Amino acid sequence: MKAWVESLKSGLPGKDVSPLQFFGKHGISVAFIVCMVVFSLASSKFLSADNFLTVVMQASIIGTIALGVTFVVIGGNLDLSVGSLLSFATVLVVDLHDKVDPAMAIALMFLFTLLVGALNGYLIGYLKLNSLIVTLGMLSAIQGITLVYTGGKNVGISDQENTWFAFFGRGDLFGIPVPALLFITLGIVLQIVLVKTGFGRKIFAIGGNGTAALFSGLRRNRLVFSTYLLSAFTTGCAALILGSRVMGSQNNVGEGYELLVLAGIILGGTSLLGGSGSIVRTIIGVLILAFIQNGLLLLGYPYYTQWLVTWVVIIVAVWLDIAAKRGKLLSTY
């Protein structure tokens, strides 16, 4: 928190920093503060400890997926398969819980998700196919596999009260929900990987200028491959949380999650063109979406209002980001 505040101070508008550049760099932080202030004034329940933890826990599934997808986007690619992968991974871990022991169910679920990530990574990294087309096709394929696997039926855990599997989605440590702890802990680890390791710097390099990175000796195919493995791993973590929380799963439980994940990443300021982004900013972007939805519900607005407000927030965030890079709010061409 102290480092975050210092970064805001260092970027305050002055002789060398215009207001537009400031909002382009710190707009997401300012938006988060404004969001919290507005809703806290409108509802006394908004900033309560219980409500705060509830929102973070609800955001943990989308947020956990977004952590891995952030690496993919920084590397200059997209992953639209995470929604269907979440559906199948959740169905798989819940269905296998009663057929084998929970530990084996979790291991097999992660094995499958990593295989999907490896297939995406191979097609995009080594065969150099378009990431949008590949992952969009994978989205459909995995959803079809899910329906074939279940026969169109929902799955559930029979003895929900006497299984340690519930810990991941329903447990708490020191009064903090386990899903929130897993989300934040994984976020901290991946932020360190992104900014403090050679691997993270290479991901920025291939996303910023793939040709230059190639001539610099970086193995772009391996790096792209690894980002899709990471995306699959975080999706598996989200499936573990979701399956453990609900103790069951529908065939389409992950439908639409890929769009919410991308919305949080874009709102966090990660460029869809690659080469820039931050795990911390992705977490803030996901939390802004979650707090907006929560605040609107507390104020009694209908559910569809959340989508309209979310759309406006994302458009403004992207506009400010582009405007800051161009140096002007409106383009004349």
C-alpha atoms as a PDB file:
ATOM      1  CA  MET A   1       0.000   0.000   0.000  1.00  0.00           C
ATOM      2  CA  LYS A   2       2.824   2.425   0.846  1.00  0.00           C
ATOM      3  CA  ALA A   3       4.532   1.726  -2.491  1.00  0.00           C
ATOM      4  CA  TRP A   4       1.236   2.258  -4.295  1.00  0.00           C
ATOM      5  CA  VAL A   5       0.718   5.634  -2.600  1.00  0.00           C
ATOM      6  CA  GLU A   6       4.296   6.695  -3.387  1.00  0.00           C
ATOM      7  CA  SER A   7       3.799   5.778  -7.052  1.00  0.00           C
ATOM      8  CA  LEU A   8       0.717   7.960  -7.148  1.00  0.00           C
ATOM      9  CA  LYS A   9       2.601  10.875  -5.582  1.00  0.00           C
ATOM     10  CA  SER A  10       5.457  10.515  -8.039  1.00  0.00           C
ATOM     11  CA  GLY A  11       3.031  10.725 -10.938  1.00  0.00           C
ATOM     12  CA  LEU A  12       1.022  13.736  -9.792  1.00  0.00           C
ATOM     13  CA  PRO A  13       0.521  16.349 -12.514  1.00  0.00           C
ATOM     14  CA  GLY A  14       3.298  18.893 -12.527  1.00  0.00           C
ATOM     15  CA  LYS A  15       5.765  20.527 -14.859  1.00  0.00           C
ATOM     16  CA  ASP A  16       6.800  17.260 -16.478  1.00  0.00           C
ATOM     17  CA  VAL A  17       3.540  15.285 -16.184  1.00  0.00           C
ATOM     18  CA  SER A  18       0.299  16.454 -17.800  1.00  0.00           C
ATOM     19  CA  PRO A  19      -3.091  15.594 -16.262  1.00  0.00           C
ATOM     20  CA  LEU A  20      -3.803  13.375 -19.269  1.00  0.00           C
ATOM     21  CA  GLN A  21      -0.561  11.440 -18.780  1.00  0.00           C
ATOM     22  CA  PHE A  22      -1.323  11.118 -15.069  1.00  0.00           C
ATOM     23  CA  PHE A  23      -4.769   9.626 -15.672  1.00  0.00           C
ATOM     24  CA  GLY A  24      -3.377   7.414 -18.400  1.00  0.00           C
ATOM     25  CA  LYS A  25      -0.863   5.972 -15.936  1.00  0.00           C
ATOM     26  CA  HIS A  26      -2.865   6.027 -12.697  1.00  0.00           C
ATOM     27  CA  GLY A  27      -6.445   6.234 -13.974  1.00  0.00           C
ATOM     28  CA  ILE A  28      -7.271   2.731 -12.746  1.00  0.00           C
ATOM     29  CA  SER A  29      -6.145   3.598  -9.201  1.00  0.00           C
ATOM     30  CA  VAL A  30      -8.114   6.850  -9.243  1.00  0.00           C
ATOM     31  CA  ALA A  31     -11.179   5.021 -10.587  1.00  0.00           C
ATOM     32  CA  PHE A  32     -10.920   2.456  -7.793  1.00  0.00           C
ATOM     33  CA  ILE A  33     -10.781   5.170  -5.126  1.00  0.00           C
ATOM     34  CA  VAL A  34     -13.699   7.094  -6.666  1.00  0.00           C
ATOM     35  CA  CYS A  35     -15.733   3.883  -6.929  1.00  0.00           C
ATOM     36  CA  MET A  36     -15.163   3.057  -3.261  1.00  0.00           C
ATOM     37  CA  VAL A  37     -15.978   6.591  -2.078  1.00  0.00           C
ATOM     38  CA  VAL A  38     -19.185   6.938  -4.112  1.00  0.00           C
ATOM     39  CA  PHE A  39     -20.675   3.611  -3.074  1.00  0.00           C
ATOM     40  CA  SER A  40     -19.604   3.995   0.573  1.00  0.00           C
ATOM     41  CA  LEU A  41     -21.459   7.328   0.734  1.00  0.00           C
ATOM     42  CA  ALA A  42     -24.517   5.794  -0.918  1.00  0.00           C
ATOM     43  CA  SER A  43     -24.683   2.682   1.263  1.00  0.00           C
ATOM     44  CA  SER A  44     -23.502   2.228   4.848  1.00  0.00           C
ATOM     45  CA  LYS A  45     -23.086  -1.529   4.251  1.00  0.00           C
ATOM     46  CA  PHE A  46     -20.686  -1.134   1.341  1.00  0.00           C
ATOM     47  CA  LEU A  47     -17.432  -0.722   3.291  1.00  0.00           C
ATOM     48  CA  SER A  48     -18.296  -3.196   6.040  1.00  0.00           C
ATOM     49  CA  ALA A  49     -15.718  -5.931   6.602  1.00  0.00           C
ATOM     50  CA  ASP A  50     -18.219  -8.676   5.796  1.00  0.00           C
ATOM     51  CA  ASN A  51     -19.258  -7.071   2.514  1.00  0.00           C
ATOM     52  CA  PHE A  52     -15.647  -6.405   1.509  1.00  0.00           C
ATOM     53  CA  LEU A  53     -14.636 -10.031   2.077  1.00  0.00           C
ATOM     54  CA  THR A  54     -17.764 -11.238   0.282  1.00  0.00           C
ATOM     55  CA  VAL A  55     -16.933  -9.166  -2.800  1.00  0.00           C
ATOM     56  CA  VAL A  56     -13.309 -10.339  -2.874  1.00  0.00           C
ATOM     57  CA  MET A  57     -14.457 -13.945  -2.499  1.00  0.00           C
ATOM     58  CA  GLN A  58     -16.970 -13.524  -5.345  1.00  0.00           C
ATOM     59  CA  ALA A  59     -14.283 -11.942  -7.512  1.00  0.00           C
ATOM     60  CA  SER A  60     -11.783 -14.700  -6.751  1.00  0.00           C
ATOM     61  CA  ILE A  61     -12.895 -17.015  -9.569  1.00  0.00           C
ATOM     62  CA  ILE A  62     -12.757 -14.428 -12.361  1.00  0.00           C
ATOM     63  CA  GLY A  63      -9.682 -12.855 -10.773  1.00  0.00           C
ATOM     64  CA  THR A  64      -7.765 -16.112 -10.493  1.00  0.00           C
ATOM     65  CA  ILE A  65      -8.327 -16.874 -14.184  1.00  0.00           C
ATOM     66  CA  ALA A  66      -7.382 -13.301 -15.099  1.00  0.00           C
ATOM     67  CA  LEU A  67      -3.982 -13.665 -13.409  1.00  0.00           C
ATOM     68  CA  GLY A  68      -2.849 -16.279 -15.926  1.00  0.00           C
ATOM     69  CA  VAL A  69      -4.560 -14.692 -18.924  1.00  0.00           C
ATOM     70  CA  THR A  70      -2.716 -11.438 -18.139  1.00  0.00           C
ATOM     71  CA  PHE A  71       0.552 -13.175 -19.062  1.00  0.00           C
ATOM     72  CA  VAL A  72      -1.008 -14.326 -22.346  1.00  0.00           C
ATOM     73  CA  VAL A  73      -2.212 -10.816 -23.221  1.00  0.00           C
ATOM     74  CA  ILE A  74       1.097  -9.161 -22.263  1.00  0.00           C
ATOM     75  CA  GLY A  75       2.748 -11.680 -24.580  1.00  0.00           C
ATOM     76  CA  GLY A  76       0.624 -10.361 -27.439  1.00  0.00           C
ATOM     77  CA  ASN A  77      -2.046 -13.076 -27.624  1.00  0.00           C
ATOM     78  CA  LEU A  78      -5.569 -13.872 -26.408  1.00  0.00           C
ATOM     79  CA  ASP A  79      -7.157 -16.832 -24.637  1.00  0.00           C
ATOM     80  CA  LEU A  80     -10.911 -17.131 -25.167  1.00  0.00           C
ATOM     81  CA  SER A  81     -11.052 -20.796 -24.168  1.00  0.00           C
ATOM     82  CA  VAL A  82     -10.931 -20.204 -20.411  1.00  0.00           C
ATOM     83  CA  GLY A  83     -14.717 -20.068 -19.976  1.00  0.00           C
ATOM     84  CA  SER A  84     -15.342 -23.502 -21.473  1.00  0.00           C
ATOM     85  CA  LEU A  85     -12.215 -24.856 -19.797  1.00  0.00           C
ATOM     86  CA  LEU A  86     -13.579 -23.658 -16.452  1.00  0.00           C
ATOM     87  CA  SER A  87     -16.848 -25.483 -17.181  1.00  0.00           C
ATOM     88  CA  PHE A  88     -15.186 -28.798 -17.982  1.00  0.00           C
ATOM     89  CA  ALA A  89     -12.564 -28.578 -15.234  1.00  0.00           C
ATOM     90  CA  THR A  90     -15.264 -27.892 -12.632  1.00  0.00           C
ATOM     91  CA  VAL A  91     -17.464 -30.701 -13.952  1.00  0.00           C
ATOM     92  CA  LEU A  92     -14.487 -33.066 -13.998  1.00  0.00           C
ATOM     93  CA  VAL A  93     -13.237 -32.423 -10.470  1.00  0.00           C
ATOM     94  CA  VAL A  94     -16.758 -32.642  -9.007  1.00  0.00           C
ATOM     95  CA  ASP A  95     -17.713 -35.770 -10.942  1.00  0.00           C
ATOM     96  CA  LEU A  96     -14.470 -37.603 -10.097  1.00  0.00           C
ATOM     97  CA  HIS A  97     -14.745 -36.669  -6.409  1.00  0.00           C
ATOM     98  CA  ASP A  98     -17.097 -39.571  -5.725  1.00  0.00           C
ATOM     99  CA  LYS A  99     -15.575 -41.946  -8.269  1.00  0.00           C
ATOM    100  CA  VAL A 100     -12.007 -41.622  -6.993  1.00  0.00           C
ATOM    101  CA  ASP A 101     -10.636 -39.821  -3.949  1.00  0.00           C
ATOM    102  CA  PRO A 102     -10.653 -35.984  -3.914  1.00  0.00           C
ATOM    103  CA  ALA A 103      -6.871 -35.704  -4.224  1.00  0.00           C
ATOM    104  CA  MET A 104      -6.840 -37.842  -7.373  1.00  0.00           C
ATOM    105  CA  ALA A 105      -9.788 -35.874  -8.769  1.00  0.00           C
ATOM    106  CA  ILE A 106      -7.879 -32.622  -8.304  1.00  0.00           C
ATOM    107  CA  ALA A 107      -4.727 -34.080  -9.891  1.00  0.00           C
ATOM    108  CA  LEU A 108      -6.608 -35.387 -12.943  1.00  0.00           C
ATOM    109  CA  MET A 109      -8.430 -32.073 -13.335  1.00  0.00           C
ATOM    110  CA  PHE A 110      -5.161 -30.133 -13.396  1.00  0.00           C
ATOM    111  CA  LEU A 111      -3.675 -32.681 -15.808  1.00  0.00           C
ATOM    112  CA  PHE A 112      -6.511 -32.086 -18.262  1.00  0.00           C
ATOM    113  CA  THR A 113      -6.379 -28.296 -17.996  1.00  0.00           C
ATOM    114  CA  LEU A 114      -2.616 -28.310 -18.566  1.00  0.00           C
ATOM    115  CA  LEU A 115      -3.056 -30.549 -21.613  1.00  0.00           C
ATOM    116  CA  VAL A 116      -5.495 -28.015 -23.071  1.00  0.00           C
ATOM    117  CA  GLY A 117      -3.062 -25.225 -22.277  1.00  0.00           C
ATOM    118  CA  ALA A 118      -0.259 -27.178 -23.921  1.00  0.00           C
ATOM    119  CA  LEU A 119      -2.361 -27.736 -27.049  1.00  0.00           C
ATOM    120  CA  ASN A 120      -3.216 -24.030 -27.252  1.00  0.00           C
ATOM    121  CA  GLY A 121       0.425 -23.136 -26.675  1.00  0.00           C
ATOM    122  CA  TYR A 122       1.668 -25.537 -29.328  1.00  0.00           C
ATOM    123  CA  LEU A 123      -0.771 -24.357 -31.989  1.00  0.00           C
ATOM    124  CA  ILE A 124      -0.122 -20.673 -31.290  1.00  0.00           C
ATOM    125  CA  GLY A 125       3.503 -20.708 -30.172  1.00  0.00           C
ATOM    126  CA  TYR A 126       5.048 -23.332 -32.439  1.00  0.00           C
ATOM    127  CA  LEU A 127       2.668 -23.471 -35.416  1.00  0.00           C
ATOM    128  CA  LYS A 128       2.121 -19.690 -35.168  1.00  0.00           C
ATOM    129  CA  LEU A 129      -1.636 -19.869 -35.689  1.00  0.00           C
ATOM    130  CA  ASN A 130      -3.827 -16.900 -34.773  1.00  0.00           C
ATOM    131  CA  SER A 131      -4.582 -16.942 -31.040  1.00  0.00           C
ATOM    132  CA  LEU A 132      -8.097 -15.551 -31.464  1.00  0.00           C
ATOM    133  CA  ILE A 133      -9.107 -18.266 -33.932  1.00  0.00           C
ATOM    134  CA  VAL A 134      -7.412 -21.118 -32.049  1.00  0.00           C
ATOM    135  CA  THR A 135      -8.848 -20.313 -28.631  1.00  0.00           C
ATOM    136  CA  LEU A 136     -12.280 -19.495 -30.046  1.00  0.00           C
ATOM    137  CA  GLY A 137     -12.307 -22.913 -31.689  1.00  0.00           C
ATOM    138  CA  MET A 138     -11.065 -24.483 -28.458  1.00  0.00           C
ATOM    139  CA  LEU A 139     -13.922 -22.782 -26.598  1.00  0.00           C
ATOM    140  CA  SER A 140     -16.445 -24.616 -28.763  1.00  0.00           C
ATOM    141  CA  ALA A 141     -14.542 -27.906 -28.692  1.00  0.00           C
ATOM    142  CA  ILE A 142     -14.233 -28.047 -24.901  1.00  0.00           C
ATOM    143  CA  GLN A 143     -17.893 -27.132 -24.416  1.00  0.00           C
ATOM    144  CA  GLY A 144     -18.788 -30.011 -26.728  1.00  0.00           C
ATOM    145  CA  ILE A 145     -16.501 -32.361 -24.771  1.00  0.00           C
ATOM    146  CA  THR A 146     -18.200 -31.244 -21.550  1.00  0.00           C
ATOM    147  CA  LEU A 147     -21.650 -32.143 -22.886  1.00  0.00           C
ATOM    148  CA  VAL A 148     -20.416 -35.498 -24.202  1.00  0.00           C
ATOM    149  CA  TYR A 149     -18.730 -36.310 -20.875  1.00  0.00           C
ATOM    150  CA  THR A 150     -21.812 -35.557 -18.769  1.00  0.00           C
ATOM    151  CA  GLY A 151     -24.470 -36.634 -21.251  1.00  0.00           C
ATOM    152  CA  GLY A 152     -26.046 -33.219 -20.752  1.00  0.00           C
ATOM    153  CA  LYS A 153     -26.615 -33.819 -17.023  1.00  0.00           C
ATOM    154  CA  ASN A 154     -25.393 -31.735 -14.087  1.00  0.00           C
ATOM    155  CA  VAL A 155     -23.024 -33.316 -11.571  1.00  0.00           C
ATOM    156  CA  GLY A 156     -22.774 -33.074  -7.800  1.00  0.00           C
ATOM    157  CA  ILE A 157     -20.996 -34.409  -4.710  1.00  0.00           C
ATOM    158  CA  SER A 158     -23.132 -36.765  -2.641  1.00  0.00           C
ATOM    159  CA  ASP A 159     -21.648 -36.304   0.850  1.00  0.00           C
ATOM    160  CA  GLN A 160     -21.008 -32.575   0.971  1.00  0.00           C
ATOM    161  CA  GLU A 161     -20.727 -32.278   4.754  1.00  0.00           C
ATOM    162  CA  ASN A 162     -17.918 -34.772   5.296  1.00  0.00           C
ATOM    163  CA  THR A 163     -15.289 -33.982   2.690  1.00  0.00           C
ATOM    164  CA  TRP A 164     -12.160 -31.873   3.048  1.00  0.00           C
ATOM    165  CA  PHE A 165     -12.697 -30.802  -0.545  1.00  0.00           C
ATOM    166  CA  ALA A 166     -15.022 -28.063   0.776  1.00  0.00           C
ATOM    167  CA  PHE A 167     -12.033 -26.232   2.274  1.00  0.00           C
ATOM    168  CA  PHE A 168     -11.036 -24.576  -1.009  1.00  0.00           C
ATOM    169  CA  GLY A 169     -14.375 -22.921  -1.628  1.00  0.00           C
ATOM    170  CA  ARG A 170     -16.059 -22.720   1.769  1.00  0.00           C
ATOM    171  CA  GLY A 171     -13.239 -22.679   4.294  1.00  0.00           C
ATOM    172  CA  ASP A 172     -11.532 -19.762   5.993  1.00  0.00           C
ATOM    173  CA  LEU A 173      -8.218 -19.027   7.673  1.00  0.00           C
ATOM    174  CA  PHE A 174      -7.993 -16.397  10.413  1.00  0.00           C
ATOM    175  CA  GLY A 175     -11.467 -15.201   9.443  1.00  0.00           C
ATOM    176  CA  ILE A 176     -10.529 -14.694   5.780  1.00  0.00           C
ATOM    177  CA  PRO A 177     -12.253 -16.861   3.140  1.00  0.00           C
ATOM    178  CA  VAL A 178      -9.877 -19.341   1.526  1.00  0.00           C
ATOM    179  CA  PRO A 179     -10.891 -18.341  -2.049  1.00  0.00           C
ATOM    180  CA  ALA A 180      -9.851 -14.748  -1.321  1.00  0.00           C
ATOM    181  CA  LEU A 181      -6.567 -15.916   0.203  1.00  0.00           C
ATOM    182  CA  LEU A 182      -5.788 -18.163  -2.773  1.00  0.00           C
ATOM    183  CA  PHE A 183      -6.579 -15.342  -5.212  1.00  0.00           C
ATOM    184  CA  ILE A 184      -4.454 -12.711  -3.463  1.00  0.00           C
ATOM    185  CA  THR A 185      -1.568 -15.103  -2.687  1.00  0.00           C
ATOM    186  CA  LEU A 186      -1.397 -16.333  -6.269  1.00  0.00           C
ATOM    187  CA  GLY A 187      -1.578 -12.720  -7.443  1.00  0.00           C
ATOM    188  CA  ILE A 188       1.402 -11.732  -5.287  1.00  0.00           C
ATOM    189  CA  VAL A 189       3.464 -14.685  -6.512  1.00  0.00           C
ATOM    190  CA  LEU A 190       2.704 -14.008 -10.184  1.00  0.00           C
ATOM    191  CA  GLN A 191       3.366 -10.276  -9.806  1.00  0.00           C
ATOM    192  CA  ILE A 192       6.830 -11.115  -8.476  1.00  0.00           C
ATOM    193  CA  VAL A 193       7.359 -13.535 -11.375  1.00  0.00           C
ATOM    194  CA  LEU A 194       6.274 -10.872 -13.876  1.00  0.00           C
ATOM    195  CA  VAL A 195       8.406  -7.973 -12.643  1.00  0.00           C
ATOM    196  CA  LYS A 196      11.340  -9.615 -10.839  1.00  0.00           C
ATOM    197  CA  THR A 197      12.331 -12.536 -13.039  1.00  0.00           C
ATOM    198  CA  GLY A 198      13.889 -12.955 -16.458  1.00  0.00           C
ATOM    199  CA  PHE A 199      10.841 -14.929 -17.555  1.00  0.00           C
ATOM    200  CA  GLY A 200       8.562 -11.953 -16.887  1.00  0.00           C
ATOM    201  CA  ARG A 201      10.850  -9.530 -18.733  1.00  0.00           C
ATOM    202  CA  LYS A 202      10.925 -11.875 -21.727  1.00  0.00           C
ATOM    203  CA  ILE A 203       7.113 -11.976 -21.833  1.00  0.00           C
ATOM    204  CA  PHE A 204       7.074  -8.159 -22.007  1.00  0.00           C
ATOM    205  CA  ALA A 205       9.698  -8.307 -24.762  1.00  0.00           C
ATOM    206  CA  ILE A 206       7.862 -10.722 -27.062  1.00  0.00           C
ATOM    207  CA  GLY A 207       4.616  -8.808 -26.585  1.00  0.00           C
ATOM    208  CA  GLY A 208       6.180  -5.416 -27.197  1.00  0.00           C
ATOM    209  CA  ASN A 209       8.133  -6.338 -30.310  1.00  0.00           C
ATOM    210  CA  GLY A 210       8.180  -9.986 -31.279  1.00  0.00           C
ATOM    211  CA  THR A 211      10.560  -9.503 -34.202  1.00  0.00           C
ATOM    212  CA  ALA A 212      13.126  -7.641 -32.122  1.00  0.00           C
ATOM    213  CA  ALA A 213      12.808 -10.242 -29.369  1.00  0.00           C
ATOM    214  CA  LEU A 214      13.440 -12.999 -31.908  1.00  0.00           C
ATOM    215  CA  PHE A 215      16.605 -11.313 -33.200  1.00  0.00           C
ATOM    216  CA  SER A 216      17.672 -10.851 -29.575  1.00  0.00           C
ATOM    217  CA  GLY A 217      17.786 -14.615 -29.179  1.00  0.00           C
ATOM    218  CA  LEU A 218      14.532 -15.098 -27.248  1.00  0.00           C
ATOM    219  CA  ARG A 219      12.667 -18.338 -27.950  1.00  0.00           C
ATOM    220  CA  ARG A 220       9.258 -16.836 -28.625  1.00  0.00           C
ATOM    221  CA  ASN A 221       7.606 -20.205 -29.251  1.00  0.00           C
ATOM    222  CA  ARG A 222       8.586 -21.536 -25.824  1.00  0.00           C
ATOM    223  CA  LEU A 223       7.549 -18.342 -24.080  1.00  0.00           C
ATOM    224  CA  VAL A 224       4.121 -18.265 -25.748  1.00  0.00           C
ATOM    225  CA  PHE A 225       3.709 -21.958 -24.929  1.00  0.00           C
ATOM    226  CA  SER A 226       4.456 -21.282 -21.255  1.00  0.00           C
ATOM    227  CA  THR A 227       1.926 -18.432 -21.035  1.00  0.00           C
ATOM    228  CA  TYR A 228      -0.864 -20.759 -22.151  1.00  0.00           C
ATOM    229  CA  LEU A 229       0.217 -23.361 -19.623  1.00  0.00           C
ATOM    230  CA  LEU A 230       0.028 -20.670 -16.944  1.00  0.00           C
ATOM    231  CA  SER A 231      -3.414 -19.576 -18.148  1.00  0.00           C
ATOM    232  CA  ALA A 232      -4.629 -23.184 -17.980  1.00  0.00           C
ATOM    233  CA  PHE A 233      -3.169 -23.604 -14.489  1.00  0.00           C
ATOM    234  CA  THR A 234      -4.941 -20.549 -13.068  1.00  0.00           C
ATOM    235  CA  THR A 235      -8.180 -21.692 -14.732  1.00  0.00           C
ATOM    236  CA  GLY A 236      -7.746 -25.020 -12.963  1.00  0.00           C
ATOM    237  CA  CYS A 237      -7.292 -23.164  -9.654  1.00  0.00           C
ATOM    238  CA  ALA A 238     -10.527 -21.253 -10.330  1.00  0.00           C
ATOM    239  CA  ALA A 239     -12.332 -24.531 -11.115  1.00  0.00           C
ATOM    240  CA  LEU A 240     -11.107 -25.950  -7.818  1.00  0.00           C
ATOM    241  CA  ILE A 241     -12.544 -22.950  -5.953  1.00  0.00           C
ATOM    242  CA  LEU A 242     -15.837 -23.016  -7.860  1.00  0.00           C
ATOM    243  CA  GLY A 243     -16.397 -26.759  -7.564  1.00  0.00           C
ATOM    244  CA  SER A 244     -15.539 -26.711  -3.865  1.00  0.00           C
ATOM    245  CA  ARG A 245     -17.875 -23.785  -3.198  1.00  0.00           C
ATOM    246  CA  VAL A 246     -20.911 -25.130  -5.067  1.00  0.00           C
ATOM    247  CA  MET A 247     -20.203 -28.855  -4.532  1.00  0.00           C
ATOM    248  CA  GLY A 248     -21.702 -29.405  -7.958  1.00  0.00           C
ATOM    249  CA  SER A 249     -21.551 -28.030 -11.466  1.00  0.00           C
ATOM    250  CA  GLN A 250     -23.663 -27.275 -14.494  1.00  0.00           C
ATOM    251  CA  ASN A 251     -22.357 -28.002 -17.972  1.00  0.00           C
ATOM    252  CA  ASN A 252     -22.182 -24.308 -18.858  1.00  0.00           C
ATOM    253  CA  VAL A 253     -21.078 -22.906 -15.511  1.00  0.00           C
ATOM    254  CA  GLY A 254     -18.144 -21.061 -17.112  1.00  0.00           C
ATOM    255  CA  GLU A 255     -20.131 -19.576 -19.991  1.00  0.00           C
ATOM    256  CA  GLY A 256     -19.258 -15.900 -20.509  1.00  0.00           C
ATOM    257  CA  TYR A 257     -16.346 -15.920 -18.059  1.00  0.00           C
ATOM    258  CA  GLU A 258     -13.839 -15.326 -20.849  1.00  0.00           C
ATOM    259  CA  LEU A 259     -15.442 -11.929 -21.529  1.00  0.00           C
ATOM    260  CA  LEU A 260     -15.501 -10.952 -17.849  1.00  0.00           C
ATOM    261  CA  VAL A 261     -11.858 -11.971 -17.515  1.00  0.00           C
ATOM    262  CA  LEU A 262     -10.849  -9.842 -20.497  1.00  0.00           C
ATOM    263  CA  ALA A 263     -12.945  -6.956 -19.148  1.00  0.00           C
ATOM    264  CA  GLY A 264     -11.029  -7.002 -15.854  1.00  0.00           C
ATOM    265  CA  ILE A 265      -7.678  -7.230 -17.650  1.00  0.00           C
ATOM    266  CA  ILE A 266      -8.513  -4.364 -20.034  1.00  0.00           C
ATOM    267  CA  LEU A 267      -9.866  -2.259 -17.191  1.00  0.00           C
ATOM    268  CA  GLY A 268      -6.587  -2.882 -15.388  1.00  0.00           C
ATOM    269  CA  GLY A 269      -4.743  -1.214 -18.242  1.00  0.00           C
ATOM    270  CA  THR A 270      -3.139  -4.228 -19.910  1.00  0.00           C
ATOM    271  CA  SER A 271      -2.855  -3.492 -23.624  1.00  0.00           C
ATOM    272  CA  LEU A 272      -4.516  -5.944 -26.015  1.00  0.00           C
ATOM    273  CA  LEU A 273      -1.615  -5.221 -28.367  1.00  0.00           C
ATOM    274  CA  GLY A 274       0.788  -6.763 -25.845  1.00  0.00           C
ATOM    275  CA  GLY A 275       3.958  -5.523 -24.213  1.00  0.00           C
ATOM    276  CA  SER A 276       2.426  -3.768 -21.205  1.00  0.00           C
ATOM    277  CA  GLY A 277       0.416  -4.758 -18.171  1.00  0.00           C
ATOM    278  CA  SER A 278       0.541  -5.643 -14.503  1.00  0.00           C
ATOM    279  CA  ILE A 279      -0.867  -8.342 -12.247  1.00  0.00           C
ATOM    280  CA  VAL A 280      -1.621  -5.753  -9.550  1.00  0.00           C
ATOM    281  CA  ARG A 281      -3.560  -3.615 -12.013  1.00  0.00           C
ATOM    282  CA  THR A 282      -5.464  -6.686 -13.223  1.00  0.00           C
ATOM    283  CA  ILE A 283      -6.463  -7.435  -9.630  1.00  0.00           C
ATOM    284  CA  ILE A 284      -7.653  -3.840  -9.203  1.00  0.00           C
ATOM    285  CA  GLY A 285      -9.551  -4.020 -12.503  1.00  0.00           C
ATOM    286  CA  VAL A 286     -11.333  -7.225 -11.457  1.00  0.00           C
ATOM    287  CA  LEU A 287     -12.147  -5.772  -8.036  1.00  0.00           C
ATOM    288  CA  ILE A 288     -13.561  -2.584  -9.596  1.00  0.00           C
ATOM    289  CA  LEU A 289     -15.969  -4.681 -11.672  1.00  0.00           C
ATOM    290  CA  ALA A 290     -16.918  -6.721  -8.601  1.00  0.00           C
ATOM    291  CA  PHE A 291     -17.451  -3.655  -6.392  1.00  0.00           C
ATOM    292  CA  ILE A 292     -19.513  -1.918  -9.095  1.00  0.00           C
ATOM    293  CA  GLN A 293     -21.802  -4.927  -9.318  1.00  0.00           C
ATOM    294  CA  ASN A 294     -22.019  -5.195  -5.539  1.00  0.00           C
ATOM    295  CA  GLY A 295     -22.645  -1.466  -5.055  1.00  0.00           C
ATOM    296  CA  LEU A 296     -25.426  -1.377  -7.649  1.00  0.00           C
ATOM    297  CA  LEU A 297     -27.111  -4.367  -6.001  1.00  0.00           C
ATOM    298  CA  LEU A 298     -26.919  -2.702  -2.586  1.00  0.00           C
ATOM    299  CA  LEU A 299     -28.532   0.413  -4.073  1.00  0.00           C
ATOM    300  CA  GLY A 300     -31.367  -1.682  -5.469  1.00  0.00           C
ATOM    301  CA  TYR A 301     -30.629  -1.332  -9.176  1.00  0.00           C
ATOM    302  CA  PRO A 302     -31.724  -4.194 -11.476  1.00  0.00           C
ATOM    303  CA  TYR A 303     -29.137  -6.752 -12.508  1.00  0.00           C
ATOM    304  CA  TYR A 304     -28.875  -5.600 -16.138  1.00  0.00           C
ATOM    305  CA  THR A 305     -27.714  -2.167 -14.940  1.00  0.00           C
ATOM    306  CA  GLN A 306     -24.401  -3.754 -13.963  1.00  0.00           C
ATOM    307  CA  TRP A 307     -23.643  -4.604 -17.588  1.00  0.00           C
ATOM    308  CA  LEU A 308     -24.400  -1.073 -18.784  1.00  0.00           C
ATOM    309  CA  VAL A 309     -22.251   0.577 -16.117  1.00  0.00           C
ATOM    310  CA  THR A 310     -19.458  -1.953 -16.665  1.00  0.00           C
ATOM    311  CA  TRP A 311     -19.506  -1.164 -20.398  1.00  0.00           C
ATOM    312  CA  VAL A 312     -19.188   2.577 -19.723  1.00  0.00           C
ATOM    313  CA  VAL A 313     -16.310   2.064 -17.261  1.00  0.00           C
ATOM    314  CA  ILE A 314     -14.378  -0.132 -19.712  1.00  0.00           C
ATOM    315  CA  ILE A 315     -14.876   2.287 -22.628  1.00  0.00           C
ATOM    316  CA  VAL A 316     -13.680   5.237 -20.523  1.00  0.00           C
ATOM    317  CA  ALA A 317     -10.659   3.258 -19.275  1.00  0.00           C
ATOM    318  CA  VAL A 318      -9.610   2.261 -22.809  1.00  0.00           C
ATOM    319  CA  TRP A 319     -10.231   5.806 -24.090  1.00  0.00           C
ATOM    320  CA  LEU A 320      -8.016   7.355 -21.398  1.00  0.00           C
ATOM    321  CA  ASP A 321      -5.286   4.790 -22.062  1.00  0.00           C
ATOM    322  CA  ILE A 322      -5.257   5.494 -25.804  1.00  0.00           C
ATOM    323  CA  ALA A 323      -5.577   9.252 -25.257  1.00  0.00           C
ATOM    324  CA  ALA A 324      -2.584   9.241 -22.911  1.00  0.00           C
ATOM    325  CA  LYS A 325      -0.463   7.473 -25.541  1.00  0.00           C
ATOM    326  CA  ARG A 326      -1.560   9.905 -28.278  1.00  0.00           C
ATOM    327  CA  GLY A 327      -1.259  12.932 -26.010  1.00  0.00           C
ATOM    328  CA  LYS A 328      -4.794  14.133 -26.747  1.00  0.00           C
ATOM    329  CA  LEU A 329      -8.331  13.189 -25.784  1.00  0.00           C
ATOM    330  CA  LEU A 330      -9.810  13.311 -29.281  1.00  0.00           C
ATOM    331  CA  SER A 331      -8.319  12.054 -32.515  1.00  0.00           C
ATOM    332  CA  THR A 332      -8.565  14.197 -35.605  1.00  0.00           C
ATOM    333  CA  TYR A 333      -8.082  11.345 -38.037  1.00  0.00           C
END
